[in-house]
Amino acid sequence: MYYSGHVCVLFLKYSFKVNILLAVFEFILFFFWKQLKRANRLLDEGVLLFLLSEFCCHMLRLLLKLFWLCFGHILYFCHMIFMKCWQLCFHGPVSVPFSTCNY
């Protein structure tokens, strides 16, 4: 039986791996920014403001990705609890697999 939970599982399985890679990339950018801040006396003010805005955009994207990842997991588990309650209320004690998430 194919239902929306399978799509949710696939989304979480691959988005988790992609978000981890993106988080590592964002951390590398953060480290680069720390080094750049030490050398800011070599840059003029316009370049520094441009780099600061780029850094803030990257950090905002990282926070949004992490929020979406957490929200996706919460949504998935709420969906599984709802499906379990639906089965119990309307079909009796039938086993609904909670282990469909194989990651």
N, C-alpha and C. Protein backbone atom coordinates (compact mmCIF):
# COMPACT_ATOMS: atom_id res chain seq x y z
N MET A 1 0.84 -1.18 0.00
CA MET A 1 0.00 0.00 0.00
C MET A 1 0.89 1.24 0.00
N TYR A 2 0.67 2.15 -0.92
CA TYR A 2 1.47 3.36 -1.05
C TYR A 2 0.68 4.54 -0.54
N TYR A 3 1.17 5.24 0.45
CA TYR A 3 0.47 6.41 0.98
C TYR A 3 1.49 7.52 1.24
N SER A 4 1.02 8.63 1.73
CA SER A 4 1.87 9.82 1.84
C SER A 4 3.03 9.63 2.82
N GLY A 5 2.92 8.68 3.71
CA GLY A 5 4.02 8.43 4.64
C GLY A 5 5.28 7.98 3.94
N HIS A 6 5.13 7.22 2.84
CA HIS A 6 6.31 6.78 2.10
C HIS A 6 7.03 7.96 1.47
N VAL A 7 6.27 8.91 0.94
CA VAL A 7 6.87 10.11 0.37
C VAL A 7 7.60 10.89 1.45
N CYS A 8 6.98 10.97 2.62
CA CYS A 8 7.59 11.68 3.75
C CYS A 8 8.89 11.01 4.17
N VAL A 9 8.90 9.68 4.19
CA VAL A 9 10.10 8.93 4.57
C VAL A 9 11.22 9.20 3.57
N LEU A 10 10.90 9.14 2.27
CA LEU A 10 11.92 9.40 1.26
C LEU A 10 12.46 10.82 1.37
N PHE A 11 11.56 11.77 1.61
CA PHE A 11 11.99 13.16 1.77
C PHE A 11 12.95 13.29 2.94
N LEU A 12 12.59 12.70 4.08
CA LEU A 12 13.44 12.82 5.27
C LEU A 12 14.76 12.10 5.09
N LYS A 13 14.72 10.94 4.41
CA LYS A 13 15.93 10.15 4.22
C LYS A 13 16.98 10.93 3.45
N TYR A 14 16.58 11.58 2.37
CA TYR A 14 17.55 12.29 1.55
C TYR A 14 17.79 13.71 2.01
N SER A 15 16.78 14.38 2.56
CA SER A 15 17.00 15.76 3.01
C SER A 15 17.93 15.79 4.21
N PHE A 16 17.91 14.75 5.04
CA PHE A 16 18.80 14.71 6.20
C PHE A 16 20.25 14.67 5.74
N LYS A 17 20.55 13.80 4.76
CA LYS A 17 21.93 13.69 4.27
C LYS A 17 22.38 14.97 3.57
N VAL A 18 21.51 15.54 2.76
CA VAL A 18 21.86 16.77 2.06
C VAL A 18 22.06 17.91 3.05
N ASN A 19 21.22 18.00 4.06
CA ASN A 19 21.35 19.08 5.03
C ASN A 19 22.61 18.94 5.88
N ILE A 20 23.04 17.71 6.15
CA ILE A 20 24.29 17.54 6.88
C ILE A 20 25.46 18.05 6.03
N LEU A 21 25.47 17.71 4.74
CA LEU A 21 26.53 18.21 3.87
C LEU A 21 26.50 19.73 3.77
N LEU A 22 25.31 20.30 3.67
CA LEU A 22 25.21 21.76 3.60
C LEU A 22 25.64 22.42 4.90
N ALA A 23 25.34 21.77 6.03
CA ALA A 23 25.75 22.33 7.32
C ALA A 23 27.28 22.33 7.45
N VAL A 24 27.93 21.27 6.96
CA VAL A 24 29.39 21.23 6.98
C VAL A 24 29.95 22.35 6.11
N PHE A 25 29.36 22.53 4.93
CA PHE A 25 29.80 23.60 4.04
C PHE A 25 29.62 24.97 4.69
N GLU A 26 28.48 25.17 5.35
CA GLU A 26 28.23 26.45 6.02
C GLU A 26 29.22 26.66 7.18
N PHE A 27 29.58 25.58 7.87
CA PHE A 27 30.56 25.71 8.95
C PHE A 27 31.92 26.12 8.41
N ILE A 28 32.30 25.56 7.25
CA ILE A 28 33.56 25.96 6.62
C ILE A 28 33.52 27.44 6.25
N LEU A 29 32.37 27.90 5.73
CA LEU A 29 32.23 29.33 5.43
C LEU A 29 32.36 30.17 6.70
N PHE A 30 31.78 29.67 7.79
CA PHE A 30 31.86 30.39 9.06
C PHE A 30 33.31 30.51 9.53
N PHE A 31 34.06 29.42 9.40
CA PHE A 31 35.47 29.44 9.79
C PHE A 31 36.24 30.43 8.91
N PHE A 32 35.94 30.42 7.61
CA PHE A 32 36.58 31.37 6.69
C PHE A 32 36.26 32.80 7.11
N TRP A 33 35.01 33.03 7.52
CA TRP A 33 34.62 34.38 7.93
C TRP A 33 35.39 34.82 9.17
N LYS A 34 35.60 33.90 10.11
CA LYS A 34 36.37 34.24 11.31
C LYS A 34 37.79 34.67 10.94
N GLN A 35 38.39 33.95 9.99
CA GLN A 35 39.73 34.32 9.56
C GLN A 35 39.72 35.66 8.83
N LEU A 36 38.67 35.90 8.08
CA LEU A 36 38.56 37.14 7.33
C LEU A 36 38.38 38.34 8.26
N LYS A 37 37.66 38.13 9.37
CA LYS A 37 37.47 39.22 10.33
C LYS A 37 38.79 39.67 10.94
N ARG A 38 39.70 38.73 11.12
CA ARG A 38 41.01 39.09 11.67
C ARG A 38 41.81 39.96 10.70
N ALA A 39 41.56 39.75 9.42
CA ALA A 39 42.31 40.50 8.41
C ALA A 39 41.50 41.67 7.86
N ASN A 40 40.51 42.13 8.58
CA ASN A 40 39.63 43.16 8.04
C ASN A 40 40.32 44.51 7.87
N ARG A 41 41.45 44.73 8.54
CA ARG A 41 42.14 46.00 8.35
C ARG A 41 42.74 46.12 6.96
N LEU A 42 42.84 44.97 6.24
CA LEU A 42 43.38 45.01 4.88
C LEU A 42 42.30 45.30 3.85
N LEU A 43 41.05 45.21 4.26
CA LEU A 43 39.95 45.41 3.32
C LEU A 43 39.35 46.79 3.50
N ASP A 44 38.84 47.34 2.45
CA ASP A 44 38.14 48.61 2.65
C ASP A 44 36.72 48.33 3.12
N GLU A 45 36.04 49.34 3.59
CA GLU A 45 34.76 49.17 4.28
C GLU A 45 33.68 48.59 3.37
N GLY A 46 33.63 48.97 2.10
CA GLY A 46 32.61 48.46 1.18
C GLY A 46 32.71 46.97 0.97
N VAL A 47 33.93 46.48 0.79
CA VAL A 47 34.13 45.03 0.59
C VAL A 47 33.74 44.28 1.86
N LEU A 48 34.10 44.83 3.00
CA LEU A 48 33.78 44.17 4.27
C LEU A 48 32.27 44.09 4.48
N LEU A 49 31.55 45.15 4.16
CA LEU A 49 30.10 45.12 4.30
C LEU A 49 29.47 44.12 3.34
N PHE A 50 30.00 44.03 2.12
CA PHE A 50 29.49 43.05 1.17
C PHE A 50 29.70 41.63 1.69
N LEU A 51 30.90 41.35 2.19
CA LEU A 51 31.18 40.01 2.72
C LEU A 51 30.33 39.72 3.95
N LEU A 52 30.09 40.73 4.78
CA LEU A 52 29.24 40.54 5.95
C LEU A 52 27.82 40.18 5.53
N SER A 53 27.30 40.85 4.51
CA SER A 53 25.94 40.53 4.05
C SER A 53 25.88 39.12 3.47
N GLU A 54 26.92 38.72 2.73
CA GLU A 54 26.96 37.35 2.20
C GLU A 54 26.99 36.33 3.33
N PHE A 55 27.79 36.59 4.34
CA PHE A 55 27.89 35.69 5.48
C PHE A 55 26.55 35.57 6.20
N CYS A 56 25.87 36.70 6.40
CA CYS A 56 24.56 36.68 7.07
C CYS A 56 23.55 35.89 6.25
N CYS A 57 23.60 36.01 4.94
CA CYS A 57 22.70 35.23 4.09
C CYS A 57 22.96 33.74 4.24
N HIS A 58 24.24 33.35 4.28
CA HIS A 58 24.57 31.93 4.44
C HIS A 58 24.10 31.41 5.79
N MET A 59 24.28 32.17 6.84
CA MET A 59 23.85 31.73 8.16
C MET A 59 22.32 31.64 8.25
N LEU A 60 21.63 32.57 7.63
CA LEU A 60 20.17 32.51 7.61
C LEU A 60 19.69 31.28 6.85
N ARG A 61 20.33 30.97 5.74
CA ARG A 61 19.97 29.77 4.99
C ARG A 61 20.20 28.51 5.83
N LEU A 62 21.31 28.47 6.57
CA LEU A 62 21.60 27.33 7.42
C LEU A 62 20.52 27.17 8.49
N LEU A 63 20.13 28.26 9.13
CA LEU A 63 19.09 28.18 10.16
C LEU A 63 17.76 27.72 9.58
N LEU A 64 17.42 28.21 8.39
CA LEU A 64 16.18 27.78 7.76
C LEU A 64 16.21 26.30 7.40
N LYS A 65 17.36 25.81 6.93
CA LYS A 65 17.47 24.39 6.59
C LYS A 65 17.34 23.52 7.83
N LEU A 66 18.00 23.94 8.91
CA LEU A 66 17.89 23.16 10.14
C LEU A 66 16.47 23.17 10.69
N PHE A 67 15.80 24.32 10.60
CA PHE A 67 14.41 24.40 11.04
C PHE A 67 13.55 23.47 10.19
N TRP A 68 13.74 23.49 8.86
CA TRP A 68 12.94 22.64 7.98
C TRP A 68 13.19 21.17 8.26
N LEU A 69 14.44 20.82 8.55
CA LEU A 69 14.77 19.44 8.87
C LEU A 69 14.05 19.00 10.14
N CYS A 70 14.09 19.80 11.18
CA CYS A 70 13.40 19.47 12.43
C CYS A 70 11.89 19.42 12.21
N PHE A 71 11.35 20.39 11.48
CA PHE A 71 9.92 20.43 11.21
C PHE A 71 9.49 19.19 10.42
N GLY A 72 10.30 18.76 9.46
CA GLY A 72 9.98 17.57 8.68
C GLY A 72 9.91 16.32 9.55
N HIS A 73 10.84 16.18 10.49
CA HIS A 73 10.81 15.03 11.39
C HIS A 73 9.57 15.07 12.29
N ILE A 74 9.26 16.24 12.82
CA ILE A 74 8.07 16.37 13.67
C ILE A 74 6.81 16.04 12.87
N LEU A 75 6.74 16.54 11.65
CA LEU A 75 5.60 16.26 10.78
C LEU A 75 5.47 14.77 10.49
N TYR A 76 6.60 14.11 10.24
CA TYR A 76 6.58 12.67 9.96
C TYR A 76 6.07 11.89 11.16
N PHE A 77 6.57 12.18 12.35
CA PHE A 77 6.15 11.43 13.53
C PHE A 77 4.69 11.71 13.88
N CYS A 78 4.23 12.94 13.68
CA CYS A 78 2.81 13.23 13.89
C CYS A 78 1.95 12.44 12.91
N HIS A 79 2.43 12.33 11.68
CA HIS A 79 1.71 11.55 10.67
C HIS A 79 1.61 10.08 11.09
N MET A 80 2.72 9.52 11.58
CA MET A 80 2.71 8.11 11.99
C MET A 80 1.79 7.89 13.20
N ILE A 81 1.79 8.81 14.14
CA ILE A 81 0.90 8.68 15.30
C ILE A 81 -0.56 8.77 14.85
N PHE A 82 -0.85 9.69 13.93
CA PHE A 82 -2.20 9.81 13.40
C PHE A 82 -2.63 8.53 12.70
N MET A 83 -1.74 7.94 11.90
CA MET A 83 -2.08 6.70 11.19
C MET A 83 -2.33 5.56 12.18
N LYS A 84 -1.53 5.49 13.24
CA LYS A 84 -1.72 4.45 14.26
C LYS A 84 -3.08 4.63 14.95
N CYS A 85 -3.41 5.87 15.31
CA CYS A 85 -4.70 6.13 15.96
C CYS A 85 -5.86 5.83 15.01
N TRP A 86 -5.71 6.18 13.75
CA TRP A 86 -6.74 5.89 12.75
C TRP A 86 -6.99 4.39 12.64
N GLN A 87 -5.90 3.62 12.59
CA GLN A 87 -6.03 2.16 12.52
C GLN A 87 -6.72 1.61 13.76
N LEU A 88 -6.33 2.09 14.93
CA LEU A 88 -6.92 1.58 16.16
C LEU A 88 -8.39 1.95 16.29
N CYS A 89 -8.75 3.15 15.88
CA CYS A 89 -10.13 3.60 16.04
C CYS A 89 -11.08 2.94 15.05
N PHE A 90 -10.64 2.76 13.82
CA PHE A 90 -11.56 2.31 12.78
C PHE A 90 -11.35 0.87 12.32
N HIS A 91 -10.21 0.28 12.63
CA HIS A 91 -9.96 -1.07 12.14
C HIS A 91 -9.55 -2.03 13.25
N GLY A 92 -9.56 -1.60 14.47
CA GLY A 92 -9.17 -2.47 15.56
C GLY A 92 -7.66 -2.52 15.72
N PRO A 93 -7.19 -3.38 16.61
CA PRO A 93 -5.74 -3.46 16.87
C PRO A 93 -4.99 -4.15 15.74
N VAL A 94 -4.76 -3.44 14.66
CA VAL A 94 -3.99 -3.96 13.53
C VAL A 94 -2.61 -3.33 13.61
N SER A 95 -1.60 -4.12 13.34
CA SER A 95 -0.24 -3.57 13.46
C SER A 95 0.07 -2.63 12.31
N VAL A 96 0.50 -1.45 12.66
CA VAL A 96 0.95 -0.46 11.68
C VAL A 96 2.45 -0.31 11.88
N PRO A 97 3.23 -0.53 10.85
CA PRO A 97 4.69 -0.51 11.05
C PRO A 97 5.20 0.89 11.35
N PHE A 98 5.87 1.03 12.51
CA PHE A 98 6.51 2.29 12.84
C PHE A 98 7.93 2.32 12.28
N SER A 99 8.41 1.19 11.80
CA SER A 99 9.80 1.14 11.33
C SER A 99 9.88 1.30 9.82
N THR A 100 9.04 2.15 9.24
CA THR A 100 9.12 2.38 7.80
C THR A 100 10.24 3.33 7.46
N CYS A 101 10.79 4.00 8.46
CA CYS A 101 11.88 4.95 8.23
C CYS A 101 13.19 4.20 8.35
N ASN A 102 13.81 3.86 7.23
CA ASN A 102 15.00 3.00 7.23
C ASN A 102 16.27 3.80 7.01
N TYR A 103 16.45 4.85 7.76
CA TYR A 103 17.72 5.58 7.62
C TYR A 103 18.44 5.68 8.93
